Amino acid sequence: MTGLADKVALVVGGAKGIGLATAGALAREGAAVLLTGRRKEEVDAAAERLGASVHGIVADASARDDLERVVAEARRRHGHLDALVLNAGLSEPATIAEATAAHFDRHFAVNVRGALFGLQAALPVLRDGASVVLVGSIAAGMGVTPYSTYAATKAALRSYARSWAAELAPRRIRVNVVAPGPTDTEMMAAVPDDMRQQLIAPIPLGRMARVDEVAAAALFLLGDAASFVTGAELCVDGGMRQV
């Protein structure tokens, strides 16, 4: 048992991919779930797919006002939050020579600023003893070209998790990172087969992660089994960064 039954969870960036899988896993454990996404059709489809215990909200994770509106809706519906998953992110390639200010700003706005102000907005409604999971990446500890800006944002999240875990420890709020390797999401389906094979080649287990495997790791960190785990990073990478 995860201890998540009858809890209230918010998944920022929960309309597709890892976020959707995590929202679904939480709902199956008996949690009431709010999820967000930028596109109304995706948000509505996700909420309908996951069932009556899931409520979708259209919001831009890079917009502070939107994040505050989402938390206000969580308060109105449930009064509090027990679990927060900060998953919203983007990844676009650019070499050093190709990088622009707009490229940099887009990545840090969604991947980092969104996490900071998402947690800030949620703090007044997070119960003492709540759990926060940031969706990072093993790219945070690797040289990843031409995705260096993306990797830098994930390294920032890893650093934030340590500081936030220390700051929130007096309230017994745990903060951890789940760090996937290459994962077979909808976005990955558009990647040419030869590039997919290049991504798989360094993975000792010989395949990409499934979204449900990453969601299971997030669920562990959110649940009672990880009650003495905070400030940690759980890699779900088939051994890619470990072996």
Protein backbone atom coordinates (compact mmCIF):
# COMPACT_ATOMS: atom_id res chain seq x y z
CA MET A 1 0.00 0.00 0.00
CA THR A 2 1.25 3.47 -0.90
CA GLY A 3 -0.84 5.37 1.63
CA LEU A 4 -2.13 7.61 -1.18
CA ALA A 5 -5.76 6.52 -0.98
CA ASP A 6 -8.03 9.50 -0.20
CA LYS A 7 -5.11 11.91 -0.64
CA VAL A 8 -5.20 14.95 -2.93
CA ALA A 9 -2.54 15.26 -5.63
CA LEU A 10 -1.70 17.91 -8.21
CA VAL A 11 0.27 16.95 -11.33
CA VAL A 12 1.54 20.03 -13.18
CA GLY A 13 2.12 18.93 -16.76
CA GLY A 14 -0.13 15.90 -16.41
CA ALA A 15 -1.98 15.80 -19.73
CA LYS A 16 0.39 13.48 -21.57
CA GLY A 17 3.51 11.36 -21.31
CA ILE A 18 5.07 10.78 -17.90
CA GLY A 19 2.72 13.26 -16.24
CA LEU A 20 -0.37 11.50 -17.56
CA ALA A 21 0.98 8.11 -16.47
CA THR A 22 1.70 9.50 -13.00
CA ALA A 23 -1.76 11.06 -12.70
CA GLY A 24 -3.27 7.73 -13.72
CA ALA A 25 -1.19 5.82 -11.18
CA LEU A 26 -2.25 8.21 -8.43
CA ALA A 27 -5.91 7.86 -9.38
CA ARG A 28 -5.67 4.06 -9.32
CA GLU A 29 -4.25 4.29 -5.80
CA GLY A 30 -7.40 6.14 -4.76
CA ALA A 31 -6.14 9.71 -4.77
CA ALA A 32 -8.17 12.67 -5.98
CA VAL A 33 -6.05 14.15 -8.77
CA LEU A 34 -5.85 17.54 -10.44
CA LEU A 35 -3.77 17.71 -13.61
CA THR A 36 -2.74 20.59 -15.82
CA GLY A 37 -1.72 21.09 -19.41
CA ARG A 38 -1.54 23.94 -21.91
CA ARG A 39 -3.89 22.51 -24.54
CA LYS A 40 -7.57 22.19 -23.66
CA GLU A 41 -8.18 19.20 -25.90
CA GLU A 42 -5.35 17.25 -24.27
CA VAL A 43 -6.42 18.21 -20.75
CA ASP A 44 -10.04 17.24 -21.39
CA ALA A 45 -9.04 13.95 -23.01
CA ALA A 46 -6.70 13.10 -20.11
CA ALA A 47 -9.32 13.79 -17.45
CA GLU A 48 -11.97 11.81 -19.31
CA ARG A 49 -9.59 8.89 -19.82
CA LEU A 50 -8.56 8.70 -16.16
CA GLY A 51 -12.03 8.89 -14.65
CA ALA A 52 -14.21 10.80 -12.23
CA SER A 53 -11.53 11.25 -9.54
CA VAL A 54 -9.40 13.34 -11.95
CA HIS A 55 -10.01 16.99 -12.76
CA GLY A 56 -8.20 18.77 -15.59
CA ILE A 57 -7.23 22.44 -15.63
CA VAL A 58 -5.84 24.33 -18.62
CA ALA A 59 -2.77 26.25 -17.47
CA ASP A 60 0.64 27.39 -18.67
CA ALA A 61 3.29 26.11 -16.24
CA SER A 62 5.54 29.05 -17.08
CA ALA A 63 2.88 31.59 -16.03
CA ARG A 64 2.84 32.40 -12.32
CA ASP A 65 -0.76 33.63 -12.45
CA ASP A 66 -1.87 30.34 -13.99
CA LEU A 67 -0.10 28.33 -11.29
CA GLU A 68 -1.75 30.40 -8.57
CA ARG A 69 -5.13 29.88 -10.25
CA VAL A 70 -4.57 26.11 -10.33
CA VAL A 71 -3.74 26.01 -6.63
CA ALA A 72 -6.77 28.17 -5.85
CA GLU A 73 -8.91 25.60 -7.67
CA ALA A 74 -7.31 22.80 -5.67
CA ARG A 75 -8.09 24.69 -2.45
CA ARG A 76 -11.67 25.32 -3.54
CA ARG A 77 -12.27 21.66 -4.40
CA HIS A 78 -10.35 19.92 -1.64
CA GLY A 79 -8.99 22.43 0.86
CA HIS A 80 -5.43 21.10 0.73
CA LEU A 81 -2.82 19.09 -1.20
CA ASP A 82 -0.97 15.99 -0.01
CA ALA A 83 1.17 15.42 -3.10
CA LEU A 84 2.64 17.65 -5.79
CA VAL A 85 4.28 16.47 -9.02
CA LEU A 86 6.10 19.12 -11.05
CA ASN A 87 6.46 17.54 -14.48
CA ALA A 88 5.94 20.31 -17.03
CA GLY A 89 8.91 20.61 -19.35
CA LEU A 90 10.18 21.05 -22.86
CA SER A 91 13.25 19.91 -24.75
CA GLU A 92 14.47 21.52 -27.97
CA PRO A 93 17.89 21.00 -29.56
CA ALA A 94 20.38 23.81 -30.13
CA THR A 95 24.14 23.83 -30.32
CA ILE A 96 26.11 26.64 -28.66
CA ALA A 97 26.25 28.46 -31.98
CA GLU A 98 22.52 27.99 -32.61
CA ALA A 99 21.21 28.90 -29.15
CA THR A 100 19.18 32.09 -28.90
CA ALA A 101 17.90 34.11 -25.98
CA ALA A 102 14.39 32.90 -26.80
CA HIS A 103 15.55 29.26 -26.74
CA PHE A 104 17.17 29.78 -23.34
CA ASP A 105 14.22 31.69 -21.90
CA ARG A 106 11.64 29.11 -23.07
CA HIS A 107 13.48 26.26 -21.38
CA PHE A 108 14.14 27.99 -18.08
CA ALA A 109 10.63 29.50 -17.98
CA VAL A 110 8.87 26.14 -18.22
CA ASN A 111 11.36 23.70 -16.74
CA VAL A 112 12.74 25.75 -13.85
CA ARG A 113 10.67 28.87 -13.18
CA GLY A 114 7.51 26.80 -13.48
CA ALA A 115 8.74 24.38 -10.82
CA LEU A 116 9.83 27.13 -8.44
CA PHE A 117 6.64 29.13 -8.64
CA GLY A 118 4.49 26.00 -8.80
CA LEU A 119 5.88 24.91 -5.45
CA GLN A 120 5.67 28.45 -4.08
CA ALA A 121 2.00 28.70 -5.05
CA ALA A 122 1.26 25.29 -3.52
CA LEU A 123 3.03 25.87 -0.17
CA PRO A 124 0.03 27.38 1.65
CA VAL A 125 -2.15 24.37 0.78
CA LEU A 126 0.45 21.60 1.09
CA ARG A 127 -0.19 19.73 4.30
CA ASP A 128 2.67 19.17 6.72
CA GLY A 129 4.09 15.76 5.81
CA ALA A 130 3.22 16.17 2.13
CA SER A 131 5.48 14.96 -0.67
CA VAL A 132 6.81 16.77 -3.73
CA VAL A 133 8.33 15.06 -6.76
CA LEU A 134 10.22 16.95 -9.47
CA VAL A 135 10.55 15.19 -12.81
CA GLY A 136 14.18 15.66 -13.75
CA SER A 137 16.39 13.72 -16.13
CA ILE A 138 19.65 11.80 -16.11
CA ALA A 139 20.72 14.52 -18.57
CA ALA A 140 21.35 16.67 -15.47
CA GLY A 141 24.57 14.76 -14.85
CA MET A 142 25.71 14.13 -18.42
CA GLY A 143 27.11 16.00 -21.38
CA VAL A 144 24.17 16.09 -23.75
CA THR A 145 24.57 17.74 -27.12
CA PRO A 146 22.69 19.44 -28.72
CA TYR A 147 20.37 19.51 -25.69
CA SER A 148 22.68 21.39 -23.34
CA THR A 149 20.13 24.00 -22.27
CA TYR A 150 17.58 21.30 -21.48
CA ALA A 151 20.21 19.43 -19.46
CA ALA A 152 21.10 22.63 -17.60
CA THR A 153 17.46 23.11 -16.56
CA LYS A 154 17.35 19.58 -15.18
CA ALA A 155 20.59 20.18 -13.28
CA ALA A 156 18.95 23.28 -11.79
CA LEU A 157 15.99 21.17 -10.64
CA ARG A 158 18.33 18.67 -9.01
CA SER A 159 20.00 21.48 -7.09
CA TYR A 160 16.70 23.04 -6.12
CA ALA A 161 15.45 19.70 -4.78
CA ARG A 162 18.30 19.56 -2.26
CA SER A 163 17.70 23.10 -1.04
CA TRP A 164 13.92 22.75 -0.95
CA ALA A 165 14.20 19.46 0.95
CA ALA A 166 16.28 21.22 3.61
CA GLU A 167 14.02 24.27 3.76
CA LEU A 168 10.79 22.27 4.07
CA ALA A 169 12.09 19.60 6.44
CA PRO A 170 10.66 21.41 9.52
CA ARG A 171 7.21 20.84 7.98
CA ARG A 172 8.11 17.22 7.16
CA ILE A 173 7.50 17.97 3.46
CA ARG A 174 9.71 15.66 1.43
CA VAL A 175 11.16 16.81 -1.92
CA ASN A 176 12.68 14.30 -4.33
CA VAL A 177 13.55 13.93 -8.01
CA VAL A 178 12.65 11.12 -10.35
CA ALA A 179 15.19 11.16 -13.19
CA PRO A 180 14.25 9.19 -16.30
CA GLY A 181 16.57 8.19 -19.07
CA PRO A 182 15.25 7.91 -22.64
CA THR A 183 11.53 7.19 -22.29
CA ASP A 184 9.06 5.94 -24.87
CA THR A 185 6.60 8.84 -24.81
CA GLU A 186 4.29 10.08 -27.57
CA MET A 187 6.97 12.61 -28.52
CA MET A 188 9.49 9.81 -28.95
CA ALA A 189 7.20 8.06 -31.44
CA ALA A 190 8.12 10.71 -34.02
CA VAL A 191 11.86 10.05 -33.67
CA PRO A 192 13.36 8.15 -36.65
CA ASP A 193 14.24 4.54 -35.92
CA ASP A 194 17.98 5.03 -36.42
CA MET A 195 18.00 7.81 -33.80
CA ARG A 196 15.96 5.65 -31.43
CA GLN A 197 18.58 2.94 -31.76
CA GLN A 198 21.32 5.44 -30.95
CA LEU A 199 19.45 6.38 -27.79
CA ILE A 200 18.96 2.75 -26.78
CA ALA A 201 22.53 1.62 -27.51
CA PRO A 202 24.07 2.90 -24.20
CA ILE A 203 21.26 1.46 -22.04
CA PRO A 204 22.40 -1.81 -20.39
CA LEU A 205 18.83 -3.14 -20.24
CA GLY A 206 18.54 -2.66 -23.99
CA ARG A 207 15.38 -0.57 -24.30
CA MET A 208 13.80 2.73 -23.35
CA ALA A 209 11.76 3.19 -20.19
CA ARG A 210 8.00 2.92 -20.38
CA VAL A 211 6.03 5.83 -18.95
CA ASP A 212 4.39 3.53 -16.42
CA GLU A 213 7.83 2.58 -15.08
CA VAL A 214 8.72 6.22 -14.48
CA ALA A 215 5.29 6.79 -12.93
CA ALA A 216 5.87 3.85 -10.57
CA ALA A 217 9.09 5.46 -9.36
CA ALA A 218 7.30 8.77 -8.79
CA LEU A 219 4.54 6.94 -6.92
CA PHE A 220 7.12 5.33 -4.65
CA LEU A 221 8.64 8.71 -3.80
CA LEU A 222 5.19 10.18 -3.13
CA GLY A 223 4.04 7.32 -0.95
CA ASP A 224 4.57 6.01 2.55
CA ALA A 225 7.31 3.56 1.52
CA ALA A 226 9.60 6.57 0.93
CA SER A 227 8.70 8.28 4.22
CA PHE A 228 12.40 8.67 5.16
CA VAL A 229 13.58 9.72 1.68
CA THR A 230 14.10 13.40 0.90
CA GLY A 231 16.50 15.39 -1.25
CA ALA A 232 17.17 12.26 -3.30
CA GLU A 233 17.27 11.45 -7.00
CA LEU A 234 15.83 8.16 -8.23
CA CYS A 235 17.13 7.30 -11.71
CA VAL A 236 14.87 5.29 -13.99
CA ASP A 237 17.33 4.76 -16.83
CA GLY A 238 17.93 1.04 -17.32
CA GLY A 239 21.43 1.57 -15.94
CA MET A 240 22.41 4.16 -18.55
CA ARG A 241 24.04 6.52 -16.03
CA GLN A 242 24.88 3.87 -13.48
CA VAL A 243 26.83 1.11 -15.20
